[in-house]
Every structure is written in C-alpha cells, then in structure tokens.
Amino acid sequence: MKPQPPEYTWLDARETVTVTDLSRACGLSAAELDELVEYGALRPLEQHRAERLFSAEYVMPLRSVGRLRLDFDLDLFTVALLFGYLNRIEALERQVQSLQAQLPGRELSTGEGADA
C-alpha cells in the first residue's frame, strides 16, 4: 500500500513549505519543482537558504496539476503552462466574488439557474 501524502489543506497561504515538503505533498520530484522554477511557474520565497522555501498557496494547485499530468501524460513544460492558467482562473474567480460582494441586493449572473 502506497503511503498517502501529508494533508496540507489547512495551510494558510502565508505559511511556507520546504521544497522537500512541497515535493512530498504534490507528487512531483524536487528536480521537477526546480524545473518549474526555471520555467517561472514557481517562485521560491528565499534563495539564500540551504533548502528553498515556497508559499503554502502552491500546495493545492500543484496537487491538481500533478494529477492532471498523470491522467493526461503531460510533459513538465505543459504542466507549467497549466499551472499558470489555473492560478489565473482562481485569481479571476476571487475577483468576481469580490465584485459581487460590492453589489448589495444585486446578484451577478453566473450562468447557473439564471432566468432568461
């Protein structure tokens, strides 16, 4: 039986994780994470430490792209592109939610159950 990766869903985005912990959590090797750093998809918080530190906000999106990588047999460059697009979509969803919160008594249509 394969051991399950540690659960990091509780982590706050302000927390940090080491490259070793990030690798363990998302199923990508440290070398693959280093390659994602080279592609610009990941940004370490501190370069001057013995082991790179990353924001904990990377854990869940990297888990998602790691699963997609296995499901669709994607190369690492494609994973980097997909990671960027998923992060952009999440940021846009947060922006829409923020804008909806600023419109009291009026809901923006999300396409679900909207009357014509």
C-alpha atoms as a PDB file:
ATOM      1  CA  MET A   1       0.000   0.000   0.000  1.00  0.00           C
ATOM      2  CA  LYS A   2       1.364   3.387  -1.059  1.00  0.00           C
ATOM      3  CA  PRO A   3       1.664   5.953   1.763  1.00  0.00           C
ATOM      4  CA  GLN A   4      -0.615   8.970   1.371  1.00  0.00           C
ATOM      5  CA  PRO A   5       0.954  12.420   1.072  1.00  0.00           C
ATOM      6  CA  PRO A   6       0.521  14.651   4.113  1.00  0.00           C
ATOM      7  CA  GLU A   7      -2.610  16.765   4.149  1.00  0.00           C
ATOM      8  CA  TYR A   8      -1.807  20.441   3.650  1.00  0.00           C
ATOM      9  CA  THR A   9      -5.296  21.830   3.004  1.00  0.00           C
ATOM     10  CA  TRP A  10      -5.180  23.564   6.384  1.00  0.00           C
ATOM     11  CA  LEU A  11      -2.148  25.632   5.493  1.00  0.00           C
ATOM     12  CA  ASP A  12      -2.541  29.351   5.219  1.00  0.00           C
ATOM     13  CA  ALA A  13      -1.078  30.944   2.110  1.00  0.00           C
ATOM     14  CA  ARG A  14       1.129  32.986   4.437  1.00  0.00           C
ATOM     15  CA  GLU A  15       2.805  29.777   5.642  1.00  0.00           C
ATOM     16  CA  THR A  16       5.905  28.368   3.986  1.00  0.00           C
ATOM     17  CA  VAL A  17       6.897  24.866   2.943  1.00  0.00           C
ATOM     18  CA  THR A  18      10.285  23.465   2.025  1.00  0.00           C
ATOM     19  CA  VAL A  19      10.913  22.043  -1.410  1.00  0.00           C
ATOM     20  CA  THR A  20      11.037  18.576   0.203  1.00  0.00           C
ATOM     21  CA  ASP A  21       7.622  19.007   1.810  1.00  0.00           C
ATOM     22  CA  LEU A  22       6.171  20.523  -1.355  1.00  0.00           C
ATOM     23  CA  SER A  23       7.511  17.608  -3.373  1.00  0.00           C
ATOM     24  CA  ARG A  24       6.006  15.111  -0.959  1.00  0.00           C
ATOM     25  CA  ALA A  25       2.649  16.913  -0.898  1.00  0.00           C
ATOM     26  CA  CYS A  26       2.146  17.308  -4.632  1.00  0.00           C
ATOM     27  CA  GLY A  27       3.784  14.182  -6.025  1.00  0.00           C
ATOM     28  CA  LEU A  28       6.429  15.964  -8.082  1.00  0.00           C
ATOM     29  CA  SER A  29      10.123  15.395  -7.504  1.00  0.00           C
ATOM     30  CA  ALA A  30      12.402  18.136  -6.222  1.00  0.00           C
ATOM     31  CA  ALA A  31      14.108  18.170  -9.633  1.00  0.00           C
ATOM     32  CA  GLU A  32      10.735  18.681 -11.332  1.00  0.00           C
ATOM     33  CA  LEU A  33       9.937  21.523  -8.942  1.00  0.00           C
ATOM     34  CA  ASP A  34      13.328  23.064  -9.743  1.00  0.00           C
ATOM     35  CA  GLU A  35      12.441  22.847 -13.432  1.00  0.00           C
ATOM     36  CA  LEU A  36       9.117  24.593 -12.748  1.00  0.00           C
ATOM     37  CA  VAL A  37      11.134  27.341 -11.017  1.00  0.00           C
ATOM     38  CA  GLU A  38      13.309  27.642 -14.144  1.00  0.00           C
ATOM     39  CA  TYR A  39      10.149  27.982 -16.284  1.00  0.00           C
ATOM     40  CA  GLY A  40       8.956  30.752 -13.976  1.00  0.00           C
ATOM     41  CA  ALA A  41       5.856  28.859 -12.823  1.00  0.00           C
ATOM     42  CA  LEU A  42       7.052  28.698  -9.203  1.00  0.00           C
ATOM     43  CA  ARG A  43       8.861  31.388  -7.259  1.00  0.00           C
ATOM     44  CA  PRO A  44      10.813  30.464  -4.138  1.00  0.00           C
ATOM     45  CA  LEU A  45      10.485  32.881  -1.245  1.00  0.00           C
ATOM     46  CA  GLU A  46      14.125  32.861  -0.212  1.00  0.00           C
ATOM     47  CA  GLN A  47      17.029  31.937  -2.452  1.00  0.00           C
ATOM     48  CA  HIS A  48      19.766  32.147   0.171  1.00  0.00           C
ATOM     49  CA  ARG A  49      18.760  29.182   2.308  1.00  0.00           C
ATOM     50  CA  ALA A  50      20.143  25.668   2.084  1.00  0.00           C
ATOM     51  CA  GLU A  51      16.676  24.438   1.077  1.00  0.00           C
ATOM     52  CA  ARG A  52      14.277  26.584  -0.924  1.00  0.00           C
ATOM     53  CA  LEU A  53      11.077  27.778   0.739  1.00  0.00           C
ATOM     54  CA  PHE A  54       7.796  28.225  -1.102  1.00  0.00           C
ATOM     55  CA  SER A  55       4.449  29.719  -0.226  1.00  0.00           C
ATOM     56  CA  ALA A  56       1.945  27.137   1.004  1.00  0.00           C
ATOM     57  CA  GLU A  57      -0.506  28.517  -1.566  1.00  0.00           C
ATOM     58  CA  TYR A  58       1.299  26.336  -4.160  1.00  0.00           C
ATOM     59  CA  VAL A  59       0.368  23.044  -2.486  1.00  0.00           C
ATOM     60  CA  MET A  60      -3.194  22.574  -3.692  1.00  0.00           C
ATOM     61  CA  PRO A  61      -2.731  23.856  -7.279  1.00  0.00           C
ATOM     62  CA  LEU A  62       0.384  21.689  -7.672  1.00  0.00           C
ATOM     63  CA  ARG A  63      -1.569  18.676  -6.452  1.00  0.00           C
ATOM     64  CA  SER A  64      -4.192  19.379  -9.104  1.00  0.00           C
ATOM     65  CA  VAL A  65      -1.721  19.769 -11.962  1.00  0.00           C
ATOM     66  CA  GLY A  66       0.199  16.732 -10.715  1.00  0.00           C
ATOM     67  CA  ARG A  67      -2.954  14.623 -11.033  1.00  0.00           C
ATOM     68  CA  LEU A  68      -3.711  16.094 -14.461  1.00  0.00           C
ATOM     69  CA  ARG A  69      -0.136  15.362 -15.514  1.00  0.00           C
ATOM     70  CA  LEU A  70      -0.588  11.697 -14.673  1.00  0.00           C
ATOM     71  CA  ASP A  71      -4.078  11.473 -16.167  1.00  0.00           C
ATOM     72  CA  PHE A  72      -3.094  13.048 -19.497  1.00  0.00           C
ATOM     73  CA  ASP A  73       0.627  12.136 -19.620  1.00  0.00           C
ATOM     74  CA  LEU A  74       1.712  15.795 -19.830  1.00  0.00           C
ATOM     75  CA  ASP A  75       5.303  16.968 -20.075  1.00  0.00           C
ATOM     76  CA  LEU A  76       6.647  19.360 -17.462  1.00  0.00           C
ATOM     77  CA  PHE A  77       6.554  22.431 -19.716  1.00  0.00           C
ATOM     78  CA  THR A  78       2.827  21.840 -20.301  1.00  0.00           C
ATOM     79  CA  VAL A  79       2.384  21.422 -16.543  1.00  0.00           C
ATOM     80  CA  ALA A  80       3.995  24.840 -16.048  1.00  0.00           C
ATOM     81  CA  LEU A  81       1.591  26.425 -18.541  1.00  0.00           C
ATOM     82  CA  LEU A  82      -1.400  24.668 -16.988  1.00  0.00           C
ATOM     83  CA  PHE A  83      -0.311  25.734 -13.506  1.00  0.00           C
ATOM     84  CA  GLY A  84      -0.183  29.352 -14.631  1.00  0.00           C
ATOM     85  CA  TYR A  85      -3.621  29.172 -16.238  1.00  0.00           C
ATOM     86  CA  LEU A  86      -5.201  27.515 -13.196  1.00  0.00           C
ATOM     87  CA  ASN A  87      -3.730  30.191 -10.923  1.00  0.00           C
ATOM     88  CA  ARG A  88      -5.054  32.902 -13.232  1.00  0.00           C
ATOM     89  CA  ILE A  89      -8.543  31.354 -13.254  1.00  0.00           C
ATOM     90  CA  GLU A  90      -8.531  31.189  -9.447  1.00  0.00           C
ATOM     91  CA  ALA A  91      -7.483  34.849  -9.214  1.00  0.00           C
ATOM     92  CA  LEU A  92     -10.252  35.873 -11.615  1.00  0.00           C
ATOM     93  CA  GLU A  93     -12.812  33.873  -9.612  1.00  0.00           C
ATOM     94  CA  ARG A  94     -11.735  35.683  -6.440  1.00  0.00           C
ATOM     95  CA  GLN A  95     -12.075  38.997  -8.268  1.00  0.00           C
ATOM     96  CA  VAL A  96     -15.600  38.140  -9.433  1.00  0.00           C
ATOM     97  CA  GLN A  97     -16.578  37.158  -5.883  1.00  0.00           C
ATOM     98  CA  SER A  98     -15.171  40.436  -4.580  1.00  0.00           C
ATOM     99  CA  LEU A  99     -17.107  42.425  -7.173  1.00  0.00           C
ATOM    100  CA  GLN A 100     -20.296  40.513  -6.377  1.00  0.00           C
ATOM    101  CA  ALA A 101     -19.856  41.327  -2.696  1.00  0.00           C
ATOM    102  CA  GLN A 102     -19.713  45.032  -3.551  1.00  0.00           C
ATOM    103  CA  LEU A 103     -23.152  44.927  -5.195  1.00  0.00           C
ATOM    104  CA  PRO A 104     -25.595  44.591  -2.288  1.00  0.00           C
ATOM    105  CA  GLY A 105     -29.044  43.308  -3.208  1.00  0.00           C
ATOM    106  CA  ARG A 106     -27.981  42.503  -6.740  1.00  0.00           C
ATOM    107  CA  GLU A 107     -26.507  39.195  -7.879  1.00  0.00           C
ATOM    108  CA  LEU A 108     -24.357  38.922 -10.968  1.00  0.00           C
ATOM    109  CA  SER A 109     -25.331  36.105 -13.288  1.00  0.00           C
ATOM    110  CA  THR A 110     -23.021  33.132 -13.059  1.00  0.00           C
ATOM    111  CA  GLY A 111     -24.838  31.104 -15.679  1.00  0.00           C
ATOM    112  CA  GLU A 112     -26.399  28.802 -13.115  1.00  0.00           C
ATOM    113  CA  GLY A 113     -30.148  28.983 -12.902  1.00  0.00           C
ATOM    114  CA  ALA A 114     -30.347  32.449 -14.439  1.00  0.00           C
ATOM    115  CA  ASP A 115     -33.759  33.398 -15.766  1.00  0.00           C
ATOM    116  CA  ALA A 116     -33.985  34.489 -19.367  1.00  0.00           C
END
